[in-house]
Amino acid sequence: MARKPKLDLKSVGSRIKELRGAILQEELAAYLDVSQGHLSKIERGKIAPSLEILLALCSRFSTSIDWIVRGDSN
């Protein structure tokens, strides 16, 4: 039986922070309809982003879920 790949939440959070760039956490959190504290926890790798958040980030920053989740550029 194949092992499930483990999600690296710290790397996911780092890529989300990279996407955010100079945008304030408060601004991006408002766009995502979450609190600033919730976004901070995602960026620090404490919690996983929901599918809705991932889709909103992909739309806002014209990137793929694969890149956010795994760092893949395809």
C-alpha atoms as a PDB file:
ATOM      1  CA  MET A   1       0.000   0.000   0.000  1.00  0.00           C
ATOM      2  CA  ALA A   2       1.436   3.385  -1.023  1.00  0.00           C
ATOM      3  CA  ARG A   3       2.105   5.946   1.678  1.00  0.00           C
ATOM      4  CA  LYS A   4       0.071   9.115   1.622  1.00  0.00           C
ATOM      5  CA  PRO A   5       2.187  12.169   0.905  1.00  0.00           C
ATOM      6  CA  LYS A   6       2.398  14.399   3.961  1.00  0.00           C
ATOM      7  CA  LEU A   7       1.382  18.032   3.562  1.00  0.00           C
ATOM      8  CA  ASP A   8       4.155  20.401   4.678  1.00  0.00           C
ATOM      9  CA  LEU A   9       2.088  23.186   6.260  1.00  0.00           C
ATOM     10  CA  LYS A  10       5.120  25.394   6.915  1.00  0.00           C
ATOM     11  CA  SER A  11       6.021  25.343   3.212  1.00  0.00           C
ATOM     12  CA  VAL A  12       2.395  25.978   2.214  1.00  0.00           C
ATOM     13  CA  GLY A  13       2.272  28.945   4.588  1.00  0.00           C
ATOM     14  CA  SER A  14       5.573  30.255   3.286  1.00  0.00           C
ATOM     15  CA  ARG A  15       4.321  30.166  -0.309  1.00  0.00           C
ATOM     16  CA  ILE A  16       1.106  31.960   0.697  1.00  0.00           C
ATOM     17  CA  LYS A  17       3.168  34.610   2.470  1.00  0.00           C
ATOM     18  CA  GLU A  18       5.324  34.906  -0.660  1.00  0.00           C
ATOM     19  CA  LEU A  19       2.181  35.449  -2.757  1.00  0.00           C
ATOM     20  CA  ARG A  20       0.940  38.105  -0.328  1.00  0.00           C
ATOM     21  CA  GLY A  21       4.145  40.094  -0.769  1.00  0.00           C
ATOM     22  CA  ALA A  22       3.665  43.698   0.354  1.00  0.00           C
ATOM     23  CA  ILE A  23      -0.082  43.294   0.877  1.00  0.00           C
ATOM     24  CA  LEU A  24      -0.985  43.588   4.560  1.00  0.00           C
ATOM     25  CA  GLN A  25      -2.277  40.438   6.257  1.00  0.00           C
ATOM     26  CA  GLU A  26      -5.424  42.366   7.183  1.00  0.00           C
ATOM     27  CA  GLU A  27      -6.102  43.204   3.534  1.00  0.00           C
ATOM     28  CA  LEU A  28      -5.628  39.664   2.249  1.00  0.00           C
ATOM     29  CA  ALA A  29      -7.592  38.233   5.185  1.00  0.00           C
ATOM     30  CA  ALA A  30     -10.516  40.535   4.332  1.00  0.00           C
ATOM     31  CA  TYR A  31     -10.358  39.394   0.689  1.00  0.00           C
ATOM     32  CA  LEU A  32     -10.360  35.748   1.846  1.00  0.00           C
ATOM     33  CA  ASP A  33     -13.180  36.460   4.339  1.00  0.00           C
ATOM     34  CA  VAL A  34     -11.144  35.206   7.321  1.00  0.00           C
ATOM     35  CA  SER A  35      -9.648  36.970  10.331  1.00  0.00           C
ATOM     36  CA  GLN A  36      -6.087  38.277  10.275  1.00  0.00           C
ATOM     37  CA  GLY A  37      -5.275  35.788  13.041  1.00  0.00           C
ATOM     38  CA  HIS A  38      -6.558  32.892  10.932  1.00  0.00           C
ATOM     39  CA  LEU A  39      -4.396  33.945   7.978  1.00  0.00           C
ATOM     40  CA  SER A  40      -1.422  34.322  10.321  1.00  0.00           C
ATOM     41  CA  LYS A  41      -1.885  30.730  11.537  1.00  0.00           C
ATOM     42  CA  ILE A  42      -1.996  29.512   7.925  1.00  0.00           C
ATOM     43  CA  GLU A  43       1.166  31.449   7.018  1.00  0.00           C
ATOM     44  CA  ARG A  44       3.002  30.079  10.077  1.00  0.00           C
ATOM     45  CA  GLY A  45       2.025  26.513   9.204  1.00  0.00           C
ATOM     46  CA  LYS A  46      -0.149  26.023  12.282  1.00  0.00           C
ATOM     47  CA  ILE A  47      -3.309  25.181  10.319  1.00  0.00           C
ATOM     48  CA  ALA A  48      -4.084  24.113   6.761  1.00  0.00           C
ATOM     49  CA  PRO A  49      -5.900  26.472   4.402  1.00  0.00           C
ATOM     50  CA  SER A  50      -9.374  25.374   3.352  1.00  0.00           C
ATOM     51  CA  LEU A  51     -10.146  24.542  -0.254  1.00  0.00           C
ATOM     52  CA  GLU A  52     -12.121  27.793  -0.485  1.00  0.00           C
ATOM     53  CA  ILE A  53      -9.066  29.780   0.646  1.00  0.00           C
ATOM     54  CA  LEU A  54      -6.816  27.944  -1.808  1.00  0.00           C
ATOM     55  CA  LEU A  55      -9.214  28.635  -4.678  1.00  0.00           C
ATOM     56  CA  ALA A  56      -9.488  32.317  -3.720  1.00  0.00           C
ATOM     57  CA  LEU A  57      -5.678  32.629  -3.584  1.00  0.00           C
ATOM     58  CA  CYS A  58      -5.351  30.984  -7.002  1.00  0.00           C
ATOM     59  CA  SER A  59      -7.873  33.401  -8.444  1.00  0.00           C
ATOM     60  CA  ARG A  60      -6.354  36.485  -6.798  1.00  0.00           C
ATOM     61  CA  PHE A  61      -2.725  35.697  -7.658  1.00  0.00           C
ATOM     62  CA  SER A  62      -3.174  33.710 -10.908  1.00  0.00           C
ATOM     63  CA  THR A  63      -1.354  30.654  -9.596  1.00  0.00           C
ATOM     64  CA  SER A  64      -2.185  26.973  -9.202  1.00  0.00           C
ATOM     65  CA  ILE A  65      -3.203  24.990  -6.153  1.00  0.00           C
ATOM     66  CA  ASP A  66      -0.330  22.620  -6.975  1.00  0.00           C
ATOM     67  CA  TRP A  67       2.170  25.450  -6.556  1.00  0.00           C
ATOM     68  CA  ILE A  68       0.682  26.587  -3.245  1.00  0.00           C
ATOM     69  CA  VAL A  69       0.378  23.065  -1.824  1.00  0.00           C
ATOM     70  CA  ARG A  70       3.431  21.328  -3.281  1.00  0.00           C
ATOM     71  CA  GLY A  71       5.602  24.001  -4.865  1.00  0.00           C
ATOM     72  CA  ASP A  72       5.047  22.440  -8.297  1.00  0.00           C
ATOM     73  CA  SER A  73       5.048  24.818 -11.237  1.00  0.00           C
ATOM     74  CA  ASN A  74       3.080  22.535 -13.589  1.00  0.00           C
END
